[in-house]
Amino acid sequence: MRDYKILLVCSGGMSTTILMTKMQKYAEEKGFSLEIDACSAAVCQDKASHYDVVLLGPQIAYQKSSISAKLSNPVASIQPQDYAMARCENIFKQVDEMMS
């Protein structure tokens, strides 16, 4: 059983908040520990140190290299279809790959 600490980042923090809620529900249903937050790209550097991974919404995927350069965490972009459809299983698989 893995404990997840994930920071979701998008341009304003709004669309990732919707995804965050769905990911929390998924974690509850599957019975694993999840610490998750959503924020804007402007404040992610201040929050990132508390999390294991940083996931970017597709709308800011183009900022991945500049965000990665400022953080010590693994950073990845969520696939657009997984983000749009809130495919939590696929997103957690992506996190597992990032953490292994």
PDB file of N, CA and C in Angstrom:
ATOM      1  N   MET A   1       0.852  -1.188   0.000  1.00  0.00           N
ATOM      2  CA  MET A   1       0.000   0.000   0.000  1.00  0.00           C
ATOM      3  C   MET A   1       0.889   1.240   0.000  1.00  0.00           C
ATOM      4  N   ARG A   2       0.651   2.102  -0.909  1.00  0.00           N
ATOM      5  CA  ARG A   2       1.474   3.297  -1.055  1.00  0.00           C
ATOM      6  C   ARG A   2       0.748   4.518  -0.493  1.00  0.00           C
ATOM      7  N   ASP A   3       1.522   5.411   0.092  1.00  0.00           N
ATOM      8  CA  ASP A   3       1.002   6.707   0.513  1.00  0.00           C
ATOM      9  C   ASP A   3       1.372   7.704  -0.568  1.00  0.00           C
ATOM     10  N   TYR A   4       0.417   8.484  -0.975  1.00  0.00           N
ATOM     11  CA  TYR A   4       0.636   9.455  -2.042  1.00  0.00           C
ATOM     12  C   TYR A   4       0.603  10.870  -1.478  1.00  0.00           C
ATOM     13  N   LYS A   5       1.564  11.690  -1.918  1.00  0.00           N
ATOM     14  CA  LYS A   5       1.569  13.127  -1.639  1.00  0.00           C
ATOM     15  C   LYS A   5       1.751  13.811  -2.983  1.00  0.00           C
ATOM     16  N   ILE A   6       0.658  14.386  -3.498  1.00  0.00           N
ATOM     17  CA  ILE A   6       0.631  14.910  -4.861  1.00  0.00           C
ATOM     18  C   ILE A   6       0.208  16.377  -4.853  1.00  0.00           C
ATOM     19  N   LEU A   7       0.948  17.183  -5.592  1.00  0.00           N
ATOM     20  CA  LEU A   7       0.555  18.569  -5.813  1.00  0.00           C
ATOM     21  C   LEU A   7       0.116  18.704  -7.261  1.00  0.00           C
ATOM     22  N   LEU A   8      -1.131  19.122  -7.463  1.00  0.00           N
ATOM     23  CA  LEU A   8      -1.674  19.366  -8.801  1.00  0.00           C
ATOM     24  C   LEU A   8      -1.530  20.849  -9.108  1.00  0.00           C
ATOM     25  N   VAL A   9      -1.063  21.153 -10.315  1.00  0.00           N
ATOM     26  CA  VAL A   9      -0.817  22.552 -10.677  1.00  0.00           C
ATOM     27  C   VAL A   9      -1.477  22.856 -12.020  1.00  0.00           C
ATOM     28  N   CYS A  10      -2.194  23.974 -12.061  1.00  0.00           N
ATOM     29  CA  CYS A  10      -2.726  24.473 -13.340  1.00  0.00           C
ATOM     30  C   CYS A  10      -2.555  25.984 -13.358  1.00  0.00           C
ATOM     31  N   SER A  11      -3.078  26.621 -14.350  1.00  0.00           N
ATOM     32  CA  SER A  11      -2.836  28.061 -14.471  1.00  0.00           C
ATOM     33  C   SER A  11      -3.465  28.847 -13.318  1.00  0.00           C
ATOM     34  N   GLY A  12      -4.676  28.475 -12.926  1.00  0.00           N
ATOM     35  CA  GLY A  12      -5.325  29.223 -11.844  1.00  0.00           C
ATOM     36  C   GLY A  12      -5.647  28.407 -10.610  1.00  0.00           C
ATOM     37  N   GLY A  13      -5.519  27.097 -10.690  1.00  0.00           N
ATOM     38  CA  GLY A  13      -5.837  26.236  -9.564  1.00  0.00           C
ATOM     39  C   GLY A  13      -7.283  25.772  -9.524  1.00  0.00           C
ATOM     40  N   MET A  14      -8.082  26.180 -10.509  1.00  0.00           N
ATOM     41  CA  MET A  14      -9.511  25.843 -10.481  1.00  0.00           C
ATOM     42  C   MET A  14      -9.796  24.448 -11.061  1.00  0.00           C
ATOM     43  N   SER A  15      -9.332  24.171 -12.252  1.00  0.00           N
ATOM     44  CA  SER A  15      -9.653  22.869 -12.857  1.00  0.00           C
ATOM     45  C   SER A  15      -8.978  21.733 -12.110  1.00  0.00           C
ATOM     46  N   THR A  16      -7.800  21.983 -11.534  1.00  0.00           N
ATOM     47  CA  THR A  16      -7.149  20.928 -10.769  1.00  0.00           C
ATOM     48  C   THR A  16      -7.891  20.654  -9.464  1.00  0.00           C
ATOM     49  N   THR A  17      -8.611  21.642  -8.943  1.00  0.00           N
ATOM     50  CA  THR A  17      -9.397  21.417  -7.729  1.00  0.00           C
ATOM     51  C   THR A  17     -10.503  20.398  -7.996  1.00  0.00           C
ATOM     52  N   ILE A  18     -11.098  20.451  -9.157  1.00  0.00           N
ATOM     53  CA  ILE A  18     -12.127  19.477  -9.536  1.00  0.00           C
ATOM     54  C   ILE A  18     -11.501  18.085  -9.608  1.00  0.00           C
ATOM     55  N   LEU A  19     -10.363  17.975 -10.254  1.00  0.00           N
ATOM     56  CA  LEU A  19      -9.668  16.695 -10.349  1.00  0.00           C
ATOM     57  C   LEU A  19      -9.242  16.205  -8.969  1.00  0.00           C
ATOM     58  N   MET A  20      -8.771  17.092  -8.128  1.00  0.00           N
ATOM     59  CA  MET A  20      -8.342  16.737  -6.777  1.00  0.00           C
ATOM     60  C   MET A  20      -9.475  16.054  -6.011  1.00  0.00           C
ATOM     61  N   THR A  21     -10.674  16.603  -6.086  1.00  0.00           N
ATOM     62  CA  THR A  21     -11.828  16.032  -5.401  1.00  0.00           C
ATOM     63  C   THR A  21     -12.098  14.617  -5.893  1.00  0.00           C
ATOM     64  N   LYS A  22     -12.016  14.408  -7.191  1.00  0.00           N
ATOM     65  CA  LYS A  22     -12.252  13.075  -7.751  1.00  0.00           C
ATOM     66  C   LYS A  22     -11.151  12.094  -7.345  1.00  0.00           C
ATOM     67  N   MET A  23      -9.916  12.574  -7.272  1.00  0.00           N
ATOM     68  CA  MET A  23      -8.810  11.714  -6.852  1.00  0.00           C
ATOM     69  C   MET A  23      -8.929  11.332  -5.376  1.00  0.00           C
ATOM     70  N   GLN A  24      -9.411  12.262  -4.542  1.00  0.00           N
ATOM     71  CA  GLN A  24      -9.626  11.958  -3.125  1.00  0.00           C
ATOM     72  C   GLN A  24     -10.684  10.869  -2.973  1.00  0.00           C
ATOM     73  N   LYS A  25     -11.757  10.991  -3.729  1.00  0.00           N
ATOM     74  CA  LYS A  25     -12.832   9.985  -3.675  1.00  0.00           C
ATOM     75  C   LYS A  25     -12.311   8.624  -4.136  1.00  0.00           C
ATOM     76  N   TYR A  26     -11.531   8.612  -5.205  1.00  0.00           N
ATOM     77  CA  TYR A  26     -10.957   7.375  -5.730  1.00  0.00           C
ATOM     78  C   TYR A  26     -10.056   6.716  -4.678  1.00  0.00           C
ATOM     79  N   ALA A  27      -9.209   7.498  -4.024  1.00  0.00           N
ATOM     80  CA  ALA A  27      -8.303   6.966  -2.993  1.00  0.00           C
ATOM     81  C   ALA A  27      -9.094   6.377  -1.825  1.00  0.00           C
ATOM     82  N   GLU A  28     -10.159   7.050  -1.424  1.00  0.00           N
ATOM     83  CA  GLU A  28     -11.022   6.536  -0.353  1.00  0.00           C
ATOM     84  C   GLU A  28     -11.618   5.192  -0.749  1.00  0.00           C
ATOM     85  N   GLU A  29     -12.143   5.117  -1.967  1.00  0.00           N
ATOM     86  CA  GLU A  29     -12.760   3.879  -2.451  1.00  0.00           C
ATOM     87  C   GLU A  29     -11.759   2.733  -2.524  1.00  0.00           C
ATOM     88  N   LYS A  30     -10.511   3.045  -2.899  1.00  0.00           N
ATOM     89  CA  LYS A  30      -9.482   2.014  -3.057  1.00  0.00           C
ATOM     90  C   LYS A  30      -8.732   1.742  -1.752  1.00  0.00           C
ATOM     91  N   GLY A  31      -8.937   2.592  -0.744  1.00  0.00           N
ATOM     92  CA  GLY A  31      -8.358   2.361   0.569  1.00  0.00           C
ATOM     93  C   GLY A  31      -6.889   2.698   0.720  1.00  0.00           C
ATOM     94  N   PHE A  32      -6.405   3.699  -0.007  1.00  0.00           N
ATOM     95  CA  PHE A  32      -5.017   4.111   0.203  1.00  0.00           C
ATOM     96  C   PHE A  32      -4.946   5.564   0.648  1.00  0.00           C
ATOM     97  N   SER A  33      -3.792   5.909   1.220  1.00  0.00           N
ATOM     98  CA  SER A  33      -3.584   7.232   1.792  1.00  0.00           C
ATOM     99  C   SER A  33      -3.225   8.232   0.685  1.00  0.00           C
ATOM    100  N   LEU A  34      -3.886   9.376   0.716  1.00  0.00           N
ATOM    101  CA  LEU A  34      -3.627  10.413  -0.276  1.00  0.00           C
ATOM    102  C   LEU A  34      -3.614  11.773   0.405  1.00  0.00           C
ATOM    103  N   GLU A  35      -2.511  12.466   0.243  1.00  0.00           N
ATOM    104  CA  GLU A  35      -2.416  13.868   0.634  1.00  0.00           C
ATOM    105  C   GLU A  35      -2.259  14.623  -0.674  1.00  0.00           C
ATOM    106  N   ILE A  36      -3.201  15.509  -0.959  1.00  0.00           N
ATOM    107  CA  ILE A  36      -3.220  16.161  -2.269  1.00  0.00           C
ATOM    108  C   ILE A  36      -3.653  17.610  -2.116  1.00  0.00           C
ATOM    109  N   ASP A  37      -3.124  18.455  -2.962  1.00  0.00           N
ATOM    110  CA  ASP A  37      -3.529  19.856  -2.983  1.00  0.00           C
ATOM    111  C   ASP A  37      -3.470  20.320  -4.435  1.00  0.00           C
ATOM    112  N   ALA A  38      -4.168  21.403  -4.706  1.00  0.00           N
ATOM    113  CA  ALA A  38      -4.176  22.000  -6.039  1.00  0.00           C
ATOM    114  C   ALA A  38      -3.839  23.474  -5.894  1.00  0.00           C
ATOM    115  N   CYS A  39      -3.046  23.962  -6.835  1.00  0.00           N
ATOM    116  CA  CYS A  39      -2.662  25.373  -6.773  1.00  0.00           C
ATOM    117  C   CYS A  39      -2.344  25.884  -8.174  1.00  0.00           C
ATOM    118  N   SER A  40      -2.104  27.166  -8.239  1.00  0.00           N
ATOM    119  CA  SER A  40      -1.705  27.776  -9.501  1.00  0.00           C
ATOM    120  C   SER A  40      -0.201  27.633  -9.685  1.00  0.00           C
ATOM    121  N   ALA A  41       0.240  27.764 -10.908  1.00  0.00           N
ATOM    122  CA  ALA A  41       1.673  27.694 -11.207  1.00  0.00           C
ATOM    123  C   ALA A  41       2.442  28.781 -10.465  1.00  0.00           C
ATOM    124  N   ALA A  42       1.795  29.902 -10.213  1.00  0.00           N
ATOM    125  CA  ALA A  42       2.463  31.030  -9.553  1.00  0.00           C
ATOM    126  C   ALA A  42       2.905  30.714  -8.128  1.00  0.00           C
ATOM    127  N   VAL A  43       2.213  29.800  -7.444  1.00  0.00           N
ATOM    128  CA  VAL A  43       2.555  29.509  -6.050  1.00  0.00           C
ATOM    129  C   VAL A  43       3.079  28.082  -5.838  1.00  0.00           C
ATOM    130  N   CYS A  44       3.221  27.317  -6.902  1.00  0.00           N
ATOM    131  CA  CYS A  44       3.619  25.913  -6.724  1.00  0.00           C
ATOM    132  C   CYS A  44       4.994  25.771  -6.092  1.00  0.00           C
ATOM    133  N   GLN A  45       5.895  26.679  -6.367  1.00  0.00           N
ATOM    134  CA  GLN A  45       7.239  26.587  -5.809  1.00  0.00           C
ATOM    135  C   GLN A  45       7.197  26.672  -4.281  1.00  0.00           C
ATOM    136  N   ASP A  46       6.281  27.462  -3.742  1.00  0.00           N
ATOM    137  CA  ASP A  46       6.150  27.614  -2.291  1.00  0.00           C
ATOM    138  C   ASP A  46       5.590  26.361  -1.626  1.00  0.00           C
ATOM    139  N   LYS A  47       4.770  25.606  -2.342  1.00  0.00           N
ATOM    140  CA  LYS A  47       4.088  24.447  -1.760  1.00  0.00           C
ATOM    141  C   LYS A  47       4.765  23.112  -2.058  1.00  0.00           C
ATOM    142  N   ALA A  48       5.540  23.033  -3.108  1.00  0.00           N
ATOM    143  CA  ALA A  48       6.009  21.755  -3.646  1.00  0.00           C
ATOM    144  C   ALA A  48       6.845  20.922  -2.684  1.00  0.00           C
ATOM    145  N   SER A  49       7.598  21.538  -1.808  1.00  0.00           N
ATOM    146  CA  SER A  49       8.521  20.779  -0.949  1.00  0.00           C
ATOM    147  C   SER A  49       7.800  19.787  -0.041  1.00  0.00           C
ATOM    148  N   HIS A  50       6.530  19.978   0.180  1.00  0.00           N
ATOM    149  CA  HIS A  50       5.747  19.097   1.047  1.00  0.00           C
ATOM    150  C   HIS A  50       5.230  17.847   0.305  1.00  0.00           C
ATOM    151  N   TYR A  51       5.399  17.803  -1.006  1.00  0.00           N
ATOM    152  CA  TYR A  51       4.816  16.732  -1.824  1.00  0.00           C
ATOM    153  C   TYR A  51       5.891  15.889  -2.503  1.00  0.00           C
ATOM    154  N   ASP A  52       5.517  14.637  -2.823  1.00  0.00           N
ATOM    155  CA  ASP A  52       6.445  13.724  -3.495  1.00  0.00           C
ATOM    156  C   ASP A  52       6.558  14.006  -4.987  1.00  0.00           C
ATOM    157  N   VAL A  53       5.428  14.339  -5.598  1.00  0.00           N
ATOM    158  CA  VAL A  53       5.405  14.605  -7.037  1.00  0.00           C
ATOM    159  C   VAL A  53       4.538  15.816  -7.333  1.00  0.00           C
ATOM    160  N   VAL A  54       4.823  16.436  -8.472  1.00  0.00           N
ATOM    161  CA  VAL A  54       4.035  17.574  -8.954  1.00  0.00           C
ATOM    162  C   VAL A  54       3.480  17.184 -10.317  1.00  0.00           C
ATOM    163  N   LEU A  55       2.155  17.273 -10.437  1.00  0.00           N
ATOM    164  CA  LEU A  55       1.495  16.965 -11.708  1.00  0.00           C
ATOM    165  C   LEU A  55       0.906  18.240 -12.288  1.00  0.00           C
ATOM    166  N   LEU A  56       1.213  18.475 -13.552  1.00  0.00           N
ATOM    167  CA  LEU A  56       0.736  19.679 -14.238  1.00  0.00           C
ATOM    168  C   LEU A  56      -0.499  19.371 -15.065  1.00  0.00           C
ATOM    169  N   GLY A  57      -1.457  20.284 -15.042  1.00  0.00           N
ATOM    170  CA  GLY A  57      -2.585  20.190 -15.953  1.00  0.00           C
ATOM    171  C   GLY A  57      -2.089  20.392 -17.373  1.00  0.00           C
ATOM    172  N   PRO A  58      -2.762  19.778 -18.346  1.00  0.00           N
ATOM    173  CA  PRO A  58      -2.306  19.873 -19.741  1.00  0.00           C
ATOM    174  C   PRO A  58      -2.189  21.307 -20.257  1.00  0.00           C
ATOM    175  N   GLN A  59      -2.999  22.218 -19.723  1.00  0.00           N
ATOM    176  CA  GLN A  59      -2.974  23.595 -20.211  1.00  0.00           C
ATOM    177  C   GLN A  59      -1.683  24.322 -19.862  1.00  0.00           C
ATOM    178  N   ILE A  60      -0.893  23.775 -18.912  1.00  0.00           N
ATOM    179  CA  ILE A  60       0.402  24.399 -18.608  1.00  0.00           C
ATOM    180  C   ILE A  60       1.563  23.436 -18.852  1.00  0.00           C
ATOM    181  N   ALA A  61       1.330  22.384 -19.590  1.00  0.00           N
ATOM    182  CA  ALA A  61       2.385  21.409 -19.890  1.00  0.00           C
ATOM    183  C   ALA A  61       3.595  22.081 -20.532  1.00  0.00           C
ATOM    184  N   TYR A  62       3.359  23.137 -21.281  1.00  0.00           N
ATOM    185  CA  TYR A  62       4.458  23.843 -21.946  1.00  0.00           C
ATOM    186  C   TYR A  62       5.420  24.497 -20.944  1.00  0.00           C
ATOM    187  N   GLN A  63       4.993  24.632 -19.675  1.00  0.00           N
ATOM    188  CA  GLN A  63       5.835  25.244 -18.641  1.00  0.00           C
ATOM    189  C   GLN A  63       6.636  24.204 -17.848  1.00  0.00           C
ATOM    190  N   LYS A  64       6.541  22.932 -18.245  1.00  0.00           N
ATOM    191  CA  LYS A  64       7.158  21.852 -17.468  1.00  0.00           C
ATOM    192  C   LYS A  64       8.645  22.096 -17.197  1.00  0.00           C
ATOM    193  N   SER A  65       9.407  22.458 -18.209  1.00  0.00           N
ATOM    194  CA  SER A  65      10.853  22.618 -17.995  1.00  0.00           C
ATOM    195  C   SER A  65      11.160  23.772 -17.049  1.00  0.00           C
ATOM    196  N   SER A  66      10.446  24.874 -17.159  1.00  0.00           N
ATOM    197  CA  SER A  66      10.720  26.008 -16.263  1.00  0.00           C
ATOM    198  C   SER A  66      10.275  25.700 -14.835  1.00  0.00           C
ATOM    199  N   ILE A  67       9.164  24.967 -14.668  1.00  0.00           N
ATOM    200  CA  ILE A  67       8.713  24.586 -13.326  1.00  0.00           C
ATOM    201  C   ILE A  67       9.676  23.557 -12.736  1.00  0.00           C
ATOM    202  N   SER A  68      10.066  22.563 -13.522  1.00  0.00           N
ATOM    203  CA  SER A  68      11.005  21.533 -13.055  1.00  0.00           C
ATOM    204  C   SER A  68      12.319  22.130 -12.577  1.00  0.00           C
ATOM    205  N   ALA A  69      12.775  23.147 -13.271  1.00  0.00           N
ATOM    206  CA  ALA A  69      14.051  23.775 -12.929  1.00  0.00           C
ATOM    207  C   ALA A  69      14.040  24.410 -11.537  1.00  0.00           C
ATOM    208  N   LYS A  70      12.856  24.781 -11.053  1.00  0.00           N
ATOM    209  CA  LYS A  70      12.736  25.446  -9.757  1.00  0.00           C
ATOM    210  C   LYS A  70      12.471  24.476  -8.606  1.00  0.00           C
ATOM    211  N   LEU A  71      12.170  23.213  -8.932  1.00  0.00           N
ATOM    212  CA  LEU A  71      11.755  22.248  -7.908  1.00  0.00           C
ATOM    213  C   LEU A  71      12.700  21.064  -7.836  1.00  0.00           C
ATOM    214  N   SER A  72      12.724  20.418  -6.682  1.00  0.00           N
ATOM    215  CA  SER A  72      13.500  19.182  -6.547  1.00  0.00           C
ATOM    216  C   SER A  72      12.614  17.947  -6.747  1.00  0.00           C
ATOM    217  N   ASN A  73      11.307  18.136  -6.809  1.00  0.00           N
ATOM    218  CA  ASN A  73      10.350  17.035  -6.988  1.00  0.00           C
ATOM    219  C   ASN A  73      10.311  16.576  -8.443  1.00  0.00           C
ATOM    220  N   PRO A  74       9.918  15.307  -8.671  1.00  0.00           N
ATOM    221  CA  PRO A  74       9.601  14.895 -10.035  1.00  0.00           C
ATOM    222  C   PRO A  74       8.376  15.687 -10.526  1.00  0.00           C
ATOM    223  N   VAL A  75       8.418  16.132 -11.760  1.00  0.00           N
ATOM    224  CA  VAL A  75       7.317  16.909 -12.346  1.00  0.00           C
ATOM    225  C   VAL A  75       6.911  16.234 -13.647  1.00  0.00           C
ATOM    226  N   ALA A  76       5.607  16.074 -13.854  1.00  0.00           N
ATOM    227  CA  ALA A  76       5.093  15.499 -15.107  1.00  0.00           C
ATOM    228  C   ALA A  76       3.779  16.171 -15.458  1.00  0.00           C
ATOM    229  N   SER A  77       3.437  16.082 -16.736  1.00  0.00           N
ATOM    230  CA  SER A  77       2.154  16.592 -17.208  1.00  0.00           C
ATOM    231  C   SER A  77       1.161  15.437 -17.271  1.00  0.00           C
ATOM    232  N   ILE A  78      -0.053  15.710 -16.858  1.00  0.00           N
ATOM    233  CA  ILE A  78      -1.121  14.711 -16.951  1.00  0.00           C
ATOM    234  C   ILE A  78      -1.577  14.651 -18.406  1.00  0.00           C
ATOM    235  N   GLN A  79      -1.774  13.446 -18.910  1.00  0.00           N
ATOM    236  CA  GLN A  79      -2.269  13.278 -20.280  1.00  0.00           C
ATOM    237  C   GLN A  79      -3.615  14.001 -20.421  1.00  0.00           C
ATOM    238  N   PRO A  80      -3.810  14.753 -21.502  1.00  0.00           N
ATOM    239  CA  PRO A  80      -5.049  15.525 -21.661  1.00  0.00           C
ATOM    240  C   PRO A  80      -6.325  14.700 -21.501  1.00  0.00           C
ATOM    241  N   GLN A  81      -6.362  13.493 -22.076  1.00  0.00           N
ATOM    242  CA  GLN A  81      -7.575  12.688 -21.973  1.00  0.00           C
ATOM    243  C   GLN A  81      -7.809  12.193 -20.541  1.00  0.00           C
ATOM    244  N   ASP A  82      -6.743  11.879 -19.809  1.00  0.00           N
ATOM    245  CA  ASP A  82      -6.894  11.450 -18.418  1.00  0.00           C
ATOM    246  C   ASP A  82      -7.360  12.618 -17.551  1.00  0.00           C
ATOM    247  N   TYR A  83      -6.843  13.795 -17.850  1.00  0.00           N
ATOM    248  CA  TYR A  83      -7.222  15.003 -17.110  1.00  0.00           C
ATOM    249  C   TYR A  83      -8.689  15.349 -17.372  1.00  0.00           C
ATOM    250  N   ALA A  84      -9.066  15.385 -18.631  1.00  0.00           N
ATOM    251  CA  ALA A  84     -10.427  15.792 -19.008  1.00  0.00           C
ATOM    252  C   ALA A  84     -11.482  14.830 -18.478  1.00  0.00           C
ATOM    253  N   MET A  85     -11.147  13.534 -18.487  1.00  0.00           N
ATOM    254  CA  MET A  85     -12.113  12.514 -18.062  1.00  0.00           C
ATOM    255  C   MET A  85     -11.913  12.106 -16.600  1.00  0.00           C
ATOM    256  N   ALA A  86     -10.963  12.741 -15.912  1.00  0.00           N
ATOM    257  CA  ALA A  86     -10.624  12.411 -14.517  1.00  0.00           C
ATOM    258  C   ALA A  86     -10.400  10.910 -14.360  1.00  0.00           C
ATOM    259  N   ARG A  87      -9.554  10.370 -15.214  1.00  0.00           N
ATOM    260  CA  ARG A  87      -9.225   8.944 -15.156  1.00  0.00           C
ATOM    261  C   ARG A  87      -8.188   8.729 -14.061  1.00  0.00           C
ATOM    262  N   CYS A  88      -8.685   8.644 -12.843  1.00  0.00           N
ATOM    263  CA  CYS A  88      -7.814   8.578 -11.666  1.00  0.00           C
ATOM    264  C   CYS A  88      -6.884   7.377 -11.698  1.00  0.00           C
ATOM    265  N   GLU A  89      -7.380   6.234 -12.145  1.00  0.00           N
ATOM    266  CA  GLU A  89      -6.535   5.038 -12.192  1.00  0.00           C
ATOM    267  C   GLU A  89      -5.285   5.293 -13.038  1.00  0.00           C
ATOM    268  N   ASN A  90      -5.455   5.908 -14.194  1.00  0.00           N
ATOM    269  CA  ASN A  90      -4.316   6.210 -15.067  1.00  0.00           C
ATOM    270  C   ASN A  90      -3.382   7.240 -14.435  1.00  0.00           C
ATOM    271  N   ILE A  91      -3.950   8.208 -13.750  1.00  0.00           N
ATOM    272  CA  ILE A  91      -3.136   9.253 -13.123  1.00  0.00           C
ATOM    273  C   ILE A  91      -2.296   8.661 -11.985  1.00  0.00           C
ATOM    274  N   PHE A  92      -2.894   7.777 -11.183  1.00  0.00           N
ATOM    275  CA  PHE A  92      -2.123   7.136 -10.112  1.00  0.00           C
ATOM    276  C   PHE A  92      -1.054   6.200 -10.684  1.00  0.00           C
ATOM    277  N   LYS A  93      -1.325   5.555 -11.805  1.00  0.00           N
ATOM    278  CA  LYS A  93      -0.294   4.735 -12.464  1.00  0.00           C
ATOM    279  C   LYS A  93       0.886   5.618 -12.870  1.00  0.00           C
ATOM    280  N   GLN A  94       0.570   6.801 -13.395  1.00  0.00           N
ATOM    281  CA  GLN A  94       1.623   7.740 -13.785  1.00  0.00           C
ATOM    282  C   GLN A  94       2.460   8.131 -12.565  1.00  0.00           C
ATOM    283  N   VAL A  95       1.805   8.390 -11.445  1.00  0.00           N
ATOM    284  CA  VAL A  95       2.521   8.751 -10.216  1.00  0.00           C
ATOM    285  C   VAL A  95       3.396   7.585  -9.757  1.00  0.00           C
ATOM    286  N   ASP A  96       2.859   6.356  -9.814  1.00  0.00           N
ATOM    287  CA  ASP A  96       3.642   5.175  -9.428  1.00  0.00           C
ATOM    288  C   ASP A  96       4.930   5.095 -10.262  1.00  0.00           C
ATOM    289  N   GLU A  97       4.811   5.338 -11.554  1.00  0.00           N
ATOM    290  CA  GLU A  97       5.985   5.307 -12.434  1.00  0.00           C
ATOM    291  C   GLU A  97       6.980   6.400 -12.060  1.00  0.00           C
ATOM    292  N   MET A  98       6.477   7.565 -11.702  1.00  0.00           N
ATOM    293  CA  MET A  98       7.345   8.679 -11.320  1.00  0.00           C
ATOM    294  C   MET A  98       8.091   8.385 -10.025  1.00  0.00           C
ATOM    295  N   MET A  99       7.453   7.651  -9.121  1.00  0.00           N
ATOM    296  CA  MET A  99       8.028   7.396  -7.803  1.00  0.00           C
ATOM    297  C   MET A  99       8.896   6.155  -7.746  1.00  0.00           C
ATOM    298  N   SER A 100       8.888   5.343  -8.804  1.00  0.00           N
ATOM    299  CA  SER A 100       9.674   4.111  -8.749  1.00  0.00           C
ATOM    300  C   SER A 100      11.081   4.305  -9.324  1.00  0.00           C
TER     301      SER A 100
END
